[in-house]
Amino acid sequence: MDPPGLPNDFLFQRVVHVANEHLNSNPVTLRDHQSNQQANHAKLLADVLELQLILFRKLSRDTRKALSVGKDVFILVSAPAGYEWLVAFLTVLSLGAVVAPISTEIDEAEMTELANETEAAAILLGSHSPLVAKSLDKSVGCPVLAVNEWLLAQSSTPPKQFQINTEHTLDAKSAGYLLFTSGSTSRPKGVLHSRKTFTTVLGGLLQTGILTEQDSMVYTFASNLASGIVYCLYTLVAGAKIEFSAGVWSPEWMWDKIREERATVIVDQPSRYKELADYYWKTLSSLPQDKKDGYLKGLCGLRWPAVSGSQPTELLRKGWNSIPGATHLINSYGMTEVSGITGLPPTGEDPSDKCTGYLLPGVEANLKDGEIGELLVRTPNMFMGYFKRPDLTDMAFDESGFFRTGDIFQRKGAKYYMYGRASVDGKRSEVCLWALFHPLIITKVINKQGRLVFAADVEGPILSLPYVQDVYVVPITQLNSTEKQIAAVIRPTKEAASTVHITVDRLRADLRDSGLEEDQIPVAIQITTPDTPLPIGTGGKKGKAQVIKQYFPDGWVTSLDREKA
């Protein structure tokens, strides 16, 4: 039995079209700055076909037979976002298997558990993955391949023309990829999508014409995130360039890419844009005019600075917009289960930090104008279900078939504004007291007013203080009580670390003129070091669950409690 070649579906048809053009022009469209690899679409497909042959020979006879009759076969990929990861990802899809990109942060025991849970037919590892193929091979019951070793050992030669195998037509409704949620509010769940999702999402994006062959996207996501994978594949099928930044990102590095005009598209978390803005004002703004103009000229070419993972604060927007020539940050909102939900067009419109834009084409939302409540949606790209969890799949939908996002929104006309995350206490239809982990967290503080306090409203004034580089506002539980109080974990600036003694008393005093009410001001704080970033979850969301566990364990007693005692 021979390997099947390139499948007859939308994704590979588009890549083949671009690759055949590259056979003659031979441009560089793929740069991996961690492994120092350069390639184009033609080299990419040649490597995919070579790895497909190697992997196909490694698969068991039963697995090959299962693939030939369209059964679900899972193959795990663990590699940092880069060229090797892209080759591995496309190779698995080309076989007709279900690709499951796995975080590079998990250990061997966790990978073994996932391999057993999915009954993985194989595991592909990147050269910068902390897992070692030879060691992992002993603990799992399937072949483990180190992608880089095979790519270096083989010399793939592009053919005169790439061809789609029209007989290798896969069922669009069959499973295509398995992604694990961020786990920001619960144990990560496996989200299963059909191959049709690639067609509808990528086809819809191509119709927008956002990207052209002249564009260059800097890929900064982890390799197991839905939004990052979609943007990467969209850039690929559009024939644009991809700059993989895994392992090398810094504000200085990114500004160099901007100056070199290799960053017309960036999709990243808000904290990265804050670092870019801070670096400009602290370093680049004082350069001689001719050198500074080089950066600003490149910035004018950055026409799509999109935000993902969480929403940018008003303070960040002002800092970014104050850079000469900066395009307004572009909000969007989506979920692993249902893909994109809302977004903003690249216009001069600069909304508030809570606005995520308008519903994307084909998306329905069950929220009346002016109403505040949990956003329920139906999209053209609904997931097939949670992997091996039909109970959770049923709970994720209401009786009308709308997906429960768990996020609190307000609709104002055609725009949607995100206020936080609903905590679910056994009743999905009811917005309960707490939402601990979302970046725009809703925290109901039990006080005389009994009103809601939004973490973003507290984080903004704290971020404006000169000694604060970053902050997470979280709810904490008082000792021997169910009462909640507001706490903050602060990452100080480098300048302040050696000159300012940050205490809860000083913070509270500094915030009393900020417009915050007394019950909005934190009663407890923890201070990290300037070089210790606050944790970011796998979905680009603020890692508030981790912060609470690390800095405010159960039974925490606030300093104010001690004063009262």
Protein backbone atom coordinates (compact mmCIF):
# COMPACT_ATOMS: atom_id res chain seq x y z
CA MET A 1 0.00 0.00 0.00
CA ASP A 2 1.39 3.39 -1.04
CA PRO A 3 0.95 6.72 0.78
CA PRO A 4 -2.03 8.69 -0.55
CA GLY A 5 -0.32 11.92 -1.64
CA LEU A 6 -2.02 15.31 -1.39
CA PRO A 7 -5.75 15.16 -0.60
CA ASN A 8 -8.47 16.67 -2.71
CA ASP A 9 -9.68 19.38 -0.34
CA PHE A 10 -9.72 23.17 -0.17
CA LEU A 11 -6.66 23.63 2.05
CA PHE A 12 -4.31 21.54 -0.07
CA GLN A 13 -5.76 22.80 -3.36
CA ARG A 14 -4.85 26.34 -2.33
CA VAL A 15 -1.37 25.43 -1.08
CA VAL A 16 -0.67 23.46 -4.27
CA HIS A 17 -1.72 26.46 -6.37
CA VAL A 18 0.76 28.75 -4.58
CA ALA A 19 3.49 26.07 -4.47
CA ASN A 20 3.38 25.54 -8.23
CA GLU A 21 3.92 29.27 -8.73
CA HIS A 22 6.93 29.10 -6.39
CA LEU A 23 8.57 26.32 -8.42
CA ASN A 24 9.69 28.96 -10.89
CA SER A 25 10.07 32.13 -8.81
CA ASN A 26 11.55 30.38 -5.72
CA PRO A 27 10.80 33.16 -3.18
CA VAL A 28 11.30 32.85 0.58
CA THR A 29 7.86 32.82 2.18
CA LEU A 30 8.53 30.87 5.38
CA ARG A 31 11.15 31.92 7.93
CA ASP A 32 11.70 30.08 11.20
CA HIS A 33 13.83 32.29 13.44
CA GLN A 34 14.34 29.63 16.11
CA SER A 35 15.72 26.93 13.82
CA ASN A 36 17.08 29.38 11.21
CA GLN A 37 15.19 27.64 8.41
CA GLN A 38 13.96 29.34 5.25
CA ALA A 39 11.58 27.81 2.74
CA ASN A 40 8.62 28.48 0.48
CA HIS A 41 5.37 26.71 -0.33
CA ALA A 42 7.06 24.39 -2.85
CA LYS A 43 9.73 23.26 -0.37
CA LEU A 44 7.01 22.89 2.26
CA LEU A 45 4.91 20.52 0.15
CA ALA A 46 7.99 18.54 -0.89
CA ASP A 47 8.85 18.03 2.79
CA VAL A 48 5.23 17.13 3.59
CA LEU A 49 5.25 14.42 0.92
CA GLU A 50 8.60 13.11 2.17
CA LEU A 51 7.46 12.98 5.80
CA GLN A 52 4.15 11.45 4.71
CA LEU A 53 6.07 8.57 3.12
CA ILE A 54 8.22 8.05 6.23
CA LEU A 55 5.26 8.24 8.62
CA PHE A 56 3.07 6.01 6.46
CA ARG A 57 5.70 3.28 6.54
CA LYS A 58 5.89 3.56 10.34
CA LEU A 59 2.15 3.13 10.85
CA SER A 60 0.78 -0.29 11.64
CA ARG A 61 -1.10 -2.27 9.01
CA ASP A 62 -4.35 -1.85 10.98
CA THR A 63 -3.84 1.92 11.09
CA ARG A 64 -3.28 2.12 7.34
CA LYS A 65 -6.43 0.11 6.76
CA ALA A 66 -8.40 2.37 9.12
CA LEU A 67 -7.22 5.43 7.20
CA SER A 68 -8.16 3.86 3.87
CA VAL A 69 -11.78 3.38 4.97
CA GLY A 70 -12.13 6.82 6.58
CA LYS A 71 -11.99 5.88 10.26
CA ASP A 72 -10.76 8.40 12.83
CA VAL A 73 -7.03 7.94 13.41
CA PHE A 74 -5.36 10.36 15.86
CA ILE A 75 -1.76 11.51 15.48
CA LEU A 76 -0.26 13.89 18.05
CA VAL A 77 2.12 16.72 17.16
CA SER A 78 4.27 18.41 19.81
CA ALA A 79 6.56 21.11 18.46
CA PRO A 80 7.03 24.85 18.91
CA ALA A 81 5.33 26.96 16.26
CA GLY A 82 7.74 26.88 13.35
CA TYR A 83 8.60 25.18 10.09
CA GLU A 84 8.90 21.66 11.54
CA TRP A 85 5.53 22.03 13.23
CA LEU A 86 3.90 23.21 9.99
CA VAL A 87 5.36 20.28 8.04
CA ALA A 88 4.15 17.83 10.70
CA PHE A 89 0.69 19.41 10.96
CA LEU A 90 0.08 19.29 7.20
CA THR A 91 1.54 15.79 6.93
CA VAL A 92 -1.00 14.40 9.39
CA LEU A 93 -3.86 16.14 7.59
CA SER A 94 -2.60 14.90 4.22
CA LEU A 95 -2.87 11.30 5.39
CA GLY A 96 -6.52 11.82 6.31
CA ALA A 97 -5.76 11.42 10.01
CA VAL A 98 -6.96 13.66 12.84
CA VAL A 99 -4.17 16.02 13.88
CA ALA A 100 -3.91 16.86 17.58
CA PRO A 101 -1.40 19.67 18.26
CA ILE A 102 -0.22 19.34 21.85
CA SER A 103 1.35 21.98 24.09
CA THR A 104 5.13 21.74 24.32
CA GLU A 105 4.85 22.46 28.04
CA ILE A 106 3.50 19.04 29.02
CA ASP A 107 5.78 16.36 30.40
CA GLU A 108 6.27 12.75 29.34
CA ALA A 109 3.65 11.39 31.73
CA GLU A 110 1.02 13.81 30.44
CA MET A 111 1.90 13.03 26.82
CA THR A 112 1.61 9.32 27.56
CA GLU A 113 -1.82 9.91 29.10
CA LEU A 114 -2.97 11.84 26.02
CA ALA A 115 -1.60 9.17 23.71
CA ASN A 116 -3.53 6.51 25.59
CA GLU A 117 -6.69 8.60 25.76
CA THR A 118 -6.71 9.27 22.01
CA GLU A 119 -5.34 5.84 21.10
CA ALA A 120 -2.72 7.73 19.09
CA ALA A 121 -1.35 5.99 16.02
CA ALA A 122 1.86 8.05 16.14
CA ILE A 123 3.51 11.06 17.78
CA LEU A 124 5.57 13.66 15.91
CA LEU A 125 8.06 15.75 17.89
CA GLY A 126 9.84 18.97 16.92
CA SER A 127 13.53 19.50 17.59
CA HIS A 128 12.83 22.13 20.25
CA SER A 129 10.24 20.02 22.06
CA PRO A 130 11.39 19.16 25.61
CA LEU A 131 10.18 15.60 25.03
CA VAL A 132 12.73 13.10 23.71
CA ALA A 133 11.59 10.63 21.07
CA LYS A 134 13.70 7.70 22.30
CA SER A 135 12.48 8.09 25.87
CA LEU A 136 8.84 8.63 24.93
CA ASP A 137 8.95 5.66 22.57
CA LYS A 138 9.31 3.38 25.60
CA SER A 139 6.21 4.70 27.39
CA VAL A 140 3.68 4.84 24.54
CA GLY A 141 2.41 2.09 22.31
CA CYS A 142 2.91 3.86 18.99
CA PRO A 143 5.76 5.13 16.77
CA VAL A 144 7.43 8.39 17.87
CA LEU A 145 9.21 10.40 15.18
CA ALA A 146 11.59 13.32 15.63
CA VAL A 147 10.59 15.47 12.64
CA ASN A 148 13.88 17.31 12.31
CA GLU A 149 15.96 14.12 12.20
CA TRP A 150 13.92 12.80 9.30
CA LEU A 151 13.95 16.11 7.42
CA LEU A 152 17.73 16.37 7.75
CA ALA A 153 18.25 12.75 6.75
CA GLN A 154 16.20 13.11 3.59
CA SER A 155 16.75 15.48 0.69
CA SER A 156 13.29 16.30 -0.62
CA THR A 157 13.23 17.50 -4.21
CA PRO A 158 10.15 19.37 -5.44
CA PRO A 159 8.55 17.79 -8.52
CA LYS A 160 8.06 19.64 -11.79
CA GLN A 161 4.46 20.17 -10.77
CA PHE A 162 2.52 19.33 -7.60
CA GLN A 163 -0.64 17.32 -8.16
CA ILE A 164 -3.72 16.73 -6.05
CA ASN A 165 -4.74 13.09 -5.79
CA THR A 166 -8.40 13.36 -6.85
CA GLU A 167 -9.05 9.83 -5.57
CA HIS A 168 -7.86 10.91 -2.11
CA THR A 169 -11.07 12.81 -1.34
CA LEU A 170 -11.90 12.91 2.35
CA ASP A 171 -15.30 13.26 3.97
CA ALA A 172 -15.68 16.93 4.93
CA LYS A 173 -17.83 15.93 7.89
CA SER A 174 -15.19 13.60 9.31
CA ALA A 175 -12.96 14.66 12.20
CA GLY A 176 -10.03 16.82 11.13
CA TYR A 177 -8.36 18.20 14.23
CA LEU A 178 -8.50 17.93 17.99
CA LEU A 179 -7.65 20.97 20.10
CA PHE A 180 -7.52 21.27 23.84
CA THR A 181 -9.09 24.32 25.49
CA SER A 182 -7.04 26.73 27.57
CA GLY A 183 -8.27 25.29 30.86
CA SER A 184 -8.57 28.83 32.25
CA THR A 185 -11.73 27.99 34.17
CA SER A 186 -11.73 24.19 34.28
CA ARG A 187 -9.78 21.10 33.26
CA PRO A 188 -8.79 21.38 29.57
CA LYS A 189 -11.29 19.69 27.26
CA GLY A 190 -10.61 18.13 23.87
CA VAL A 191 -12.52 20.03 21.18
CA LEU A 192 -13.11 18.02 18.02
CA HIS A 193 -13.66 19.83 14.71
CA SER A 194 -14.50 18.44 11.29
CA ARG A 195 -12.35 18.98 8.21
CA LYS A 196 -15.17 21.19 6.94
CA THR A 197 -14.16 23.84 9.48
CA PHE A 198 -10.91 24.45 7.60
CA THR A 199 -12.85 24.96 4.37
CA THR A 200 -15.45 27.35 5.77
CA VAL A 201 -13.08 29.37 7.97
CA LEU A 202 -10.26 29.69 5.43
CA GLY A 203 -12.66 30.22 2.54
CA GLY A 204 -14.44 32.98 4.43
CA LEU A 205 -11.18 34.69 5.35
CA LEU A 206 -9.93 34.56 1.76
CA GLN A 207 -13.11 36.27 0.59
CA THR A 208 -12.40 39.21 2.91
CA GLY A 209 -9.18 39.96 1.03
CA ILE A 210 -7.49 41.00 4.27
CA LEU A 211 -4.22 39.33 3.26
CA THR A 212 -2.42 39.44 -0.07
CA GLU A 213 0.78 37.85 -1.33
CA GLN A 214 2.60 41.05 -0.35
CA ASP A 215 1.75 40.62 3.33
CA SER A 216 3.92 39.12 6.03
CA MET A 217 2.53 37.78 9.31
CA VAL A 218 4.67 37.38 12.41
CA TYR A 219 3.47 34.17 14.09
CA THR A 220 3.80 34.47 17.86
CA PHE A 221 1.22 31.94 19.07
CA ALA A 222 1.81 28.62 20.75
CA SER A 223 1.39 25.84 18.20
CA ASN A 224 -1.66 24.30 19.87
CA LEU A 225 -3.98 27.33 19.82
CA ALA A 226 -6.97 27.51 17.50
CA SER A 227 -6.63 31.20 16.64
CA GLY A 228 -2.94 30.85 15.84
CA ILE A 229 -3.48 27.79 13.65
CA VAL A 230 -6.25 29.53 11.72
CA TYR A 231 -4.17 32.67 11.09
CA CYS A 232 -1.17 30.56 10.08
CA LEU A 233 -3.16 28.49 7.57
CA TYR A 234 -4.93 31.59 6.28
CA THR A 235 -1.58 33.26 5.62
CA LEU A 236 -0.41 30.07 3.93
CA VAL A 237 -3.36 29.72 1.53
CA ALA A 238 -3.26 33.46 0.76
CA GLY A 239 0.32 33.03 -0.46
CA ALA A 240 1.61 35.56 2.07
CA LYS A 241 4.79 35.25 4.13
CA ILE A 242 5.08 33.81 7.63
CA GLU A 243 7.76 34.76 10.16
CA PHE A 244 7.84 32.21 13.00
CA SER A 245 9.10 33.87 16.17
CA ALA A 246 9.03 30.95 18.62
CA GLY A 247 11.78 31.21 21.21
CA VAL A 248 13.14 34.58 20.09
CA TRP A 249 10.38 37.13 20.77
CA SER A 250 11.29 40.38 22.51
CA PRO A 251 10.09 43.94 21.88
CA GLU A 252 13.47 44.74 20.34
CA TRP A 253 13.23 41.74 17.99
CA MET A 254 9.67 42.59 16.96
CA TRP A 255 10.51 46.23 16.32
CA ASP A 256 13.35 45.05 14.06
CA LYS A 257 10.83 42.98 12.05
CA ILE A 258 8.59 46.04 11.83
CA ARG A 259 11.51 48.21 10.66
CA GLU A 260 12.46 45.57 8.06
CA GLU A 261 8.82 45.67 6.84
CA ARG A 262 8.39 41.98 7.61
CA ALA A 263 5.40 42.59 9.86
CA THR A 264 2.34 43.85 8.03
CA VAL A 265 0.16 41.56 10.15
CA ILE A 266 0.54 40.81 13.86
CA VAL A 267 -1.93 38.86 15.97
CA ASP A 268 -0.90 38.80 19.61
CA GLN A 269 -1.96 39.19 23.22
CA PRO A 270 -2.39 42.69 24.72
CA SER A 271 0.67 42.43 26.99
CA ARG A 272 2.92 42.13 23.92
CA TYR A 273 1.54 45.35 22.45
CA LYS A 274 2.14 47.05 25.79
CA GLU A 275 5.77 45.93 25.67
CA LEU A 276 6.08 47.27 22.12
CA ALA A 277 4.60 50.63 23.11
CA ASP A 278 6.79 50.88 26.22
CA TYR A 279 9.90 49.99 24.20
CA TYR A 280 9.13 52.67 21.65
CA TRP A 281 8.75 55.45 24.21
CA LYS A 282 11.66 54.33 26.41
CA THR A 283 14.15 53.49 23.65
CA LEU A 284 13.20 54.25 20.06
CA SER A 285 11.65 57.68 20.55
CA SER A 286 15.02 59.13 21.62
CA LEU A 287 16.94 57.84 18.57
CA PRO A 288 18.27 60.26 15.95
CA GLN A 289 15.47 61.22 13.57
CA ASP A 290 16.79 59.27 10.58
CA LYS A 291 17.01 56.02 12.58
CA LYS A 292 13.66 56.59 14.26
CA ASP A 293 12.04 57.23 10.87
CA GLY A 294 13.04 53.73 9.78
CA TYR A 295 10.96 52.21 12.57
CA LEU A 296 8.03 54.56 12.00
CA LYS A 297 8.03 53.85 8.26
CA GLY A 298 7.80 50.14 9.02
CA LEU A 299 5.05 50.79 11.56
CA CYS A 300 2.97 52.51 8.88
CA GLY A 301 3.14 49.21 6.98
CA LEU A 302 1.72 47.31 9.98
CA ARG A 303 -1.86 47.54 8.81
CA TRP A 304 -3.38 44.68 10.81
CA PRO A 305 -2.34 44.77 14.50
CA ALA A 306 -4.92 42.35 15.90
CA VAL A 307 -5.44 41.44 19.54
CA SER A 308 -6.19 37.90 20.67
CA GLY A 309 -6.62 36.11 23.98
CA SER A 310 -8.05 39.04 25.93
CA GLN A 311 -9.18 42.59 25.32
CA PRO A 312 -6.77 45.55 25.48
CA THR A 313 -7.28 48.09 28.24
CA GLU A 314 -8.03 51.73 27.52
CA LEU A 315 -4.59 52.61 28.89
CA LEU A 316 -2.92 50.25 26.40
CA ARG A 317 -4.93 51.69 23.53
CA LYS A 318 -3.88 55.21 24.39
CA GLY A 319 -0.24 54.19 24.71
CA TRP A 320 -0.27 52.36 21.38
CA ASN A 321 -2.23 55.04 19.53
CA SER A 322 0.19 57.72 20.73
CA ILE A 323 2.98 56.18 18.60
CA PRO A 324 3.12 58.20 15.35
CA GLY A 325 1.52 56.28 12.49
CA ALA A 326 0.24 53.37 14.57
CA THR A 327 -2.89 51.66 13.24
CA HIS A 328 -5.59 51.23 15.87
CA LEU A 329 -5.56 47.84 17.57
CA ILE A 330 -8.12 45.48 16.07
CA ASN A 331 -10.36 43.59 18.47
CA SER A 332 -11.78 40.17 17.83
CA TYR A 333 -13.50 37.48 19.86
CA GLY A 334 -13.90 33.77 19.33
CA MET A 335 -13.71 30.42 21.04
CA THR A 336 -12.02 27.12 20.28
CA GLU A 337 -15.42 25.44 20.05
CA VAL A 338 -17.07 27.76 17.53
CA SER A 339 -14.23 29.74 15.88
CA GLY A 340 -14.69 33.48 15.27
CA ILE A 341 -17.72 35.25 16.75
CA THR A 342 -17.15 39.01 16.55
CA GLY A 343 -14.58 41.31 15.00
CA LEU A 344 -13.86 44.85 13.87
CA PRO A 345 -12.95 45.96 10.36
CA PRO A 346 -9.59 47.75 9.91
CA THR A 347 -11.01 51.27 9.89
CA GLY A 348 -10.23 54.43 11.80
CA GLU A 349 -12.79 53.37 14.40
CA ASP A 350 -11.21 52.96 17.83
CA PRO A 351 -13.76 51.45 20.23
CA SER A 352 -13.63 51.17 23.99
CA ASP A 353 -11.61 48.37 25.52
CA LYS A 354 -14.75 46.31 26.14
CA CYS A 355 -15.98 46.40 22.54
CA THR A 356 -15.23 43.26 20.52
CA GLY A 357 -16.95 44.50 17.37
CA TYR A 358 -19.71 43.17 15.16
CA LEU A 359 -20.96 39.64 14.57
CA LEU A 360 -19.02 37.90 11.81
CA PRO A 361 -20.93 36.70 8.72
CA GLY A 362 -23.12 33.69 9.43
CA VAL A 363 -23.00 34.08 13.22
CA GLU A 364 -26.23 34.29 15.24
CA ALA A 365 -26.35 35.60 18.80
CA ASN A 366 -29.16 35.24 21.31
CA LEU A 367 -28.83 38.63 22.99
CA LYS A 368 -31.29 41.52 22.70
CA ASP A 369 -30.23 45.12 22.12
CA GLY A 370 -29.24 46.72 25.43
CA GLU A 371 -29.37 43.44 27.31
CA ILE A 372 -26.49 42.26 29.53
CA GLY A 373 -26.14 38.53 29.86
CA GLU A 374 -24.35 35.38 28.79
CA LEU A 375 -23.64 35.37 25.06
CA LEU A 376 -25.19 32.38 23.29
CA VAL A 377 -24.20 31.83 19.66
CA ARG A 378 -24.58 29.68 16.58
CA THR A 379 -21.81 29.83 13.98
CA PRO A 380 -21.07 28.11 10.65
CA ASN A 381 -18.10 26.40 12.32
CA MET A 382 -19.53 24.64 15.33
CA PHE A 383 -17.41 21.89 16.83
CA MET A 384 -18.37 18.22 16.63
CA GLY A 385 -18.25 17.85 20.41
CA TYR A 386 -15.93 17.43 23.37
CA PHE A 387 -13.72 14.40 22.90
CA LYS A 388 -15.24 11.38 24.66
CA ARG A 389 -17.44 13.70 26.77
CA PRO A 390 -21.00 13.65 25.37
CA ASP A 391 -22.24 14.86 28.76
CA LEU A 392 -20.22 18.07 28.50
CA THR A 393 -21.21 18.47 24.87
CA ASP A 394 -24.91 18.38 25.81
CA MET A 395 -24.37 20.91 28.60
CA ALA A 396 -22.63 23.30 26.21
CA PHE A 397 -25.84 24.03 24.28
CA ASP A 398 -29.23 25.42 25.22
CA GLU A 399 -32.51 23.89 24.11
CA SER A 400 -32.45 25.93 20.87
CA GLY A 401 -29.00 24.72 19.85
CA PHE A 402 -27.10 27.88 20.82
CA PHE A 403 -23.62 27.40 22.27
CA ARG A 404 -23.12 28.79 25.76
CA THR A 405 -19.93 30.88 25.64
CA GLY A 406 -19.88 31.48 29.39
CA ASP A 407 -18.95 35.13 28.73
CA ILE A 408 -20.95 38.17 29.79
CA PHE A 409 -21.75 40.62 26.99
CA GLN A 410 -23.88 43.64 26.32
CA ARG A 411 -25.26 44.37 22.89
CA LYS A 412 -25.47 48.03 21.87
CA GLY A 413 -27.00 48.23 18.43
CA ALA A 414 -24.87 46.03 16.19
CA LYS A 415 -21.82 46.10 18.48
CA TYR A 416 -20.98 43.68 21.28
CA TYR A 417 -19.23 44.59 24.53
CA MET A 418 -17.56 42.02 26.76
CA TYR A 419 -17.72 42.49 30.53
CA GLY A 420 -16.52 39.25 31.99
CA ARG A 421 -17.09 35.57 32.45
CA ALA A 422 -20.14 33.93 33.95
CA SER A 423 -19.49 31.52 36.76
CA VAL A 424 -21.63 28.46 36.51
CA ASP A 425 -22.82 26.83 39.69
CA GLY A 426 -24.60 23.80 38.33
CA LYS A 427 -27.05 25.87 36.26
CA ARG A 428 -25.75 26.94 32.89
CA SER A 429 -28.71 29.25 32.36
CA GLU A 430 -27.94 31.30 35.43
CA VAL A 431 -25.20 33.91 35.76
CA CYS A 432 -23.85 33.28 39.24
CA LEU A 433 -21.64 35.15 41.64
CA TRP A 434 -18.15 34.46 40.44
CA ALA A 435 -15.96 34.35 37.40
CA LEU A 436 -12.45 34.01 38.67
CA PHE A 437 -10.23 33.51 35.70
CA HIS A 438 -11.19 35.63 32.72
CA PRO A 439 -9.12 38.74 31.88
CA LEU A 440 -12.31 40.83 32.04
CA ILE A 441 -13.34 39.06 35.18
CA ILE A 442 -16.60 39.79 36.96
CA THR A 443 -16.18 39.76 40.71
CA LYS A 444 -19.20 40.21 42.94
CA VAL A 445 -17.87 41.59 46.20
CA ILE A 446 -20.13 41.07 49.18
CA ASN A 447 -20.40 44.57 50.56
CA LYS A 448 -23.05 47.04 51.65
CA GLN A 449 -23.88 47.91 48.07
CA GLY A 450 -23.80 44.29 46.90
CA ARG A 451 -22.75 45.40 43.42
CA LEU A 452 -20.53 43.94 40.75
CA VAL A 453 -16.89 44.94 40.46
CA PHE A 454 -15.12 44.42 37.13
CA ALA A 455 -11.45 43.53 37.34
CA ALA A 456 -10.61 45.47 34.17
CA ASP A 457 -11.98 48.63 35.81
CA VAL A 458 -9.57 48.10 38.72
CA GLU A 459 -6.57 47.01 36.65
CA GLY A 460 -6.66 50.15 34.51
CA PRO A 461 -5.97 52.65 37.34
CA ILE A 462 -3.32 50.34 38.83
CA LEU A 463 -1.53 50.10 35.47
CA SER A 464 -1.44 53.89 35.29
CA LEU A 465 0.75 54.04 38.42
CA PRO A 466 4.40 54.74 37.51
CA TYR A 467 5.79 51.79 39.46
CA VAL A 468 3.51 49.14 37.88
CA GLN A 469 4.52 47.20 34.76
CA ASP A 470 1.63 44.72 34.83
CA VAL A 471 -1.12 43.64 37.21
CA TYR A 472 -3.76 40.94 37.65
CA VAL A 473 -6.74 41.69 39.85
CA VAL A 474 -8.32 38.58 41.37
CA PRO A 475 -10.87 37.71 44.07
CA ILE A 476 -9.64 35.99 47.22
CA THR A 477 -11.46 34.20 50.01
CA GLN A 478 -11.08 35.34 53.59
CA LEU A 479 -10.06 32.83 56.22
CA ASN A 480 -13.03 30.87 57.64
CA SER A 481 -15.42 32.80 55.43
CA THR A 482 -17.06 32.67 52.02
CA GLU A 483 -16.73 36.43 51.68
CA LYS A 484 -14.68 37.61 48.73
CA GLN A 485 -12.24 40.49 48.63
CA ILE A 486 -10.21 42.06 45.85
CA ALA A 487 -6.49 41.34 45.59
CA ALA A 488 -3.77 42.25 43.11
CA VAL A 489 -0.57 40.63 41.89
CA ILE A 490 1.79 43.35 40.67
CA ARG A 491 4.79 43.13 38.40
CA PRO A 492 6.80 46.29 39.15
CA THR A 493 8.85 48.26 36.66
CA LYS A 494 12.60 47.78 36.68
CA GLU A 495 13.09 51.35 37.87
CA ALA A 496 10.65 50.94 40.74
CA ALA A 497 12.03 47.61 41.93
CA SER A 498 15.08 49.26 43.46
CA THR A 499 13.57 52.60 44.48
CA VAL A 500 9.94 52.06 45.52
CA HIS A 501 8.65 49.98 48.42
CA ILE A 502 5.24 48.83 47.23
CA THR A 503 2.85 48.00 50.06
CA VAL A 504 -0.91 47.52 50.18
CA ASP A 505 -1.18 50.77 52.16
CA ARG A 506 0.71 52.72 49.51
CA LEU A 507 -1.32 51.16 46.69
CA ARG A 508 -4.62 51.94 48.41
CA ALA A 509 -3.52 55.50 49.08
CA ASP A 510 -2.41 56.00 45.47
CA LEU A 511 -5.72 54.67 44.15
CA ARG A 512 -8.03 56.80 46.29
CA ASP A 513 -7.81 59.68 43.80
CA SER A 514 -8.25 57.40 40.78
CA GLY A 515 -12.03 57.38 40.79
CA LEU A 516 -12.29 53.88 42.24
CA GLU A 517 -14.75 53.28 45.04
CA GLU A 518 -13.41 52.03 48.36
CA ASP A 519 -14.74 48.51 47.78
CA GLN A 520 -12.94 48.36 44.41
CA ILE A 521 -9.48 48.95 45.87
CA PRO A 522 -7.43 45.79 46.60
CA VAL A 523 -7.04 44.79 50.23
CA ALA A 524 -4.12 42.44 49.58
CA ILE A 525 -1.22 42.44 47.13
CA GLN A 526 1.67 40.26 46.08
CA ILE A 527 4.72 41.61 44.25
CA THR A 528 6.70 39.67 41.63
CA THR A 529 10.03 40.75 40.14
CA PRO A 530 10.37 42.98 37.06
CA ASP A 531 11.70 40.04 35.06
CA THR A 532 8.88 37.68 36.06
CA PRO A 533 5.98 37.99 33.61
CA LEU A 534 2.55 37.27 34.98
CA PRO A 535 1.34 33.91 33.66
CA ILE A 536 -0.47 33.66 30.35
CA GLY A 537 -2.74 30.69 29.69
CA THR A 538 -2.52 28.56 26.57
CA GLY A 539 -5.26 30.57 24.90
CA GLY A 540 -3.45 33.84 25.39
CA LYS A 541 -5.75 34.59 28.32
CA LYS A 542 -4.46 35.91 31.60
CA GLY A 543 -3.50 33.00 33.85
CA LYS A 544 -5.54 34.11 36.82
CA ALA A 545 -6.27 30.60 38.02
CA GLN A 546 -2.53 30.01 38.35
CA VAL A 547 -2.06 33.36 40.11
CA ILE A 548 -4.70 32.57 42.72
CA LYS A 549 -3.22 29.16 43.46
CA GLN A 550 0.33 30.49 43.63
CA TYR A 551 -0.10 33.76 45.49
CA PHE A 552 -3.41 33.47 47.35
CA PRO A 553 -3.94 29.90 48.58
CA ASP A 554 -7.07 28.89 50.49
CA GLY A 555 -7.36 30.50 53.87
CA TRP A 556 -5.53 33.68 52.89
CA VAL A 557 -5.74 36.37 55.54
CA THR A 558 -5.56 39.92 54.20
CA SER A 559 -3.49 42.60 55.84
CA LEU A 560 -6.69 44.45 56.71
CA ASP A 561 -7.95 41.37 58.56
CA ARG A 562 -4.76 41.37 60.61
CA GLU A 563 -5.22 45.06 61.41
CA LYS A 564 -8.77 44.45 62.58
CA ALA A 565 -7.79 41.42 64.69
